[in-house]
Amino acid sequence: MELNEKLKALRQERGMTQEQVAAKLYVSRTAVSKWETGGGSPNLDSLQALARLFEVSVDELR
């Protein structure tokens, strides 16, 4: 499973919207959408924040 697929699955499992994830990470909803569609990748800080938010390791996201 690719990073974008993992992010979308984790978000949906937790019943969160892209807007909610974006607000918690202090990024735009568009950024979250791009990450989930494979149009871009989160930088290291955002990747670490996503791992904390979803309570997984950074390695699990990769």
C-alpha atoms as a PDB file:
ATOM      1  CA  MET A   1       0.000   0.000   0.000  1.00  0.00           C
ATOM      2  CA  GLU A   2       1.348   3.413  -0.970  1.00  0.00           C
ATOM      3  CA  LEU A   3       1.636   6.402   1.377  1.00  0.00           C
ATOM      4  CA  ASN A   4      -1.362   8.148  -0.174  1.00  0.00           C
ATOM      5  CA  GLU A   5      -3.555   5.063   0.283  1.00  0.00           C
ATOM      6  CA  LYS A   6      -2.396   4.618   3.886  1.00  0.00           C
ATOM      7  CA  LEU A   7      -3.147   8.233   4.754  1.00  0.00           C
ATOM      8  CA  LYS A   8      -6.641   8.052   3.321  1.00  0.00           C
ATOM      9  CA  ALA A   9      -7.382   4.736   5.042  1.00  0.00           C
ATOM     10  CA  LEU A  10      -6.104   5.958   8.425  1.00  0.00           C
ATOM     11  CA  ARG A  11      -8.127   9.163   8.158  1.00  0.00           C
ATOM     12  CA  GLN A  12     -11.295   7.317   7.216  1.00  0.00           C
ATOM     13  CA  GLU A  13     -10.813   4.688   9.956  1.00  0.00           C
ATOM     14  CA  ARG A  14     -10.809   7.516  12.462  1.00  0.00           C
ATOM     15  CA  GLY A  15     -13.841   9.196  10.930  1.00  0.00           C
ATOM     16  CA  MET A  16     -11.954  12.400  10.164  1.00  0.00           C
ATOM     17  CA  THR A  17     -12.403  14.748   7.234  1.00  0.00           C
ATOM     18  CA  GLN A  18      -9.525  16.166   5.226  1.00  0.00           C
ATOM     19  CA  GLU A  19     -10.391  19.525   6.758  1.00  0.00           C
ATOM     20  CA  GLN A  20     -10.006  18.148  10.295  1.00  0.00           C
ATOM     21  CA  VAL A  21      -6.629  16.584   9.505  1.00  0.00           C
ATOM     22  CA  ALA A  22      -5.478  19.813   7.884  1.00  0.00           C
ATOM     23  CA  ALA A  23      -6.512  21.864  10.921  1.00  0.00           C
ATOM     24  CA  LYS A  24      -4.621  19.584  13.312  1.00  0.00           C
ATOM     25  CA  LEU A  25      -1.487  19.731  11.164  1.00  0.00           C
ATOM     26  CA  TYR A  26      -1.763  23.459  10.363  1.00  0.00           C
ATOM     27  CA  VAL A  27      -1.779  22.807   6.615  1.00  0.00           C
ATOM     28  CA  SER A  28      -4.395  23.413   3.943  1.00  0.00           C
ATOM     29  CA  ARG A  29      -7.106  20.916   3.075  1.00  0.00           C
ATOM     30  CA  THR A  30      -5.716  21.036  -0.451  1.00  0.00           C
ATOM     31  CA  ALA A  31      -2.369  19.749   0.846  1.00  0.00           C
ATOM     32  CA  VAL A  32      -4.079  16.800   2.538  1.00  0.00           C
ATOM     33  CA  SER A  33      -6.033  16.104  -0.646  1.00  0.00           C
ATOM     34  CA  LYS A  34      -2.821  16.111  -2.714  1.00  0.00           C
ATOM     35  CA  TRP A  35      -1.158  13.711  -0.280  1.00  0.00           C
ATOM     36  CA  GLU A  36      -4.127  11.341  -0.518  1.00  0.00           C
ATOM     37  CA  THR A  37      -4.321  11.425  -4.308  1.00  0.00           C
ATOM     38  CA  GLY A  38      -0.588  11.043  -4.819  1.00  0.00           C
ATOM     39  CA  GLY A  39      -0.231  14.545  -6.215  1.00  0.00           C
ATOM     40  CA  GLY A  40       2.366  15.413  -3.600  1.00  0.00           C
ATOM     41  CA  SER A  41       4.033  14.120  -0.474  1.00  0.00           C
ATOM     42  CA  PRO A  42       4.163  15.578   3.023  1.00  0.00           C
ATOM     43  CA  ASN A  43       7.464  17.054   4.153  1.00  0.00           C
ATOM     44  CA  LEU A  44       9.281  15.410   7.069  1.00  0.00           C
ATOM     45  CA  ASP A  45       7.641  17.623   9.704  1.00  0.00           C
ATOM     46  CA  SER A  46       4.176  16.895   8.329  1.00  0.00           C
ATOM     47  CA  LEU A  47       4.956  13.191   8.030  1.00  0.00           C
ATOM     48  CA  GLN A  48       5.971  13.098  11.697  1.00  0.00           C
ATOM     49  CA  ALA A  49       2.834  15.031  12.662  1.00  0.00           C
ATOM     50  CA  LEU A  50       0.679  12.578  10.685  1.00  0.00           C
ATOM     51  CA  ALA A  51       2.322   9.653  12.461  1.00  0.00           C
ATOM     52  CA  ARG A  52       1.560  11.240  15.848  1.00  0.00           C
ATOM     53  CA  LEU A  53      -2.000  12.087  14.843  1.00  0.00           C
ATOM     54  CA  PHE A  54      -2.745   8.563  13.648  1.00  0.00           C
ATOM     55  CA  GLU A  55      -0.665   6.923  16.401  1.00  0.00           C
ATOM     56  CA  VAL A  56       1.567   4.999  14.022  1.00  0.00           C
ATOM     57  CA  SER A  57       5.292   5.117  13.310  1.00  0.00           C
ATOM     58  CA  VAL A  58       6.718   7.078  10.415  1.00  0.00           C
ATOM     59  CA  ASP A  59       7.954   3.762   9.013  1.00  0.00           C
ATOM     60  CA  GLU A  60       4.381   2.444   8.962  1.00  0.00           C
ATOM     61  CA  LEU A  61       3.349   5.377   6.800  1.00  0.00           C
ATOM     62  CA  ARG A  62       6.074   4.830   4.219  1.00  0.00           C
END
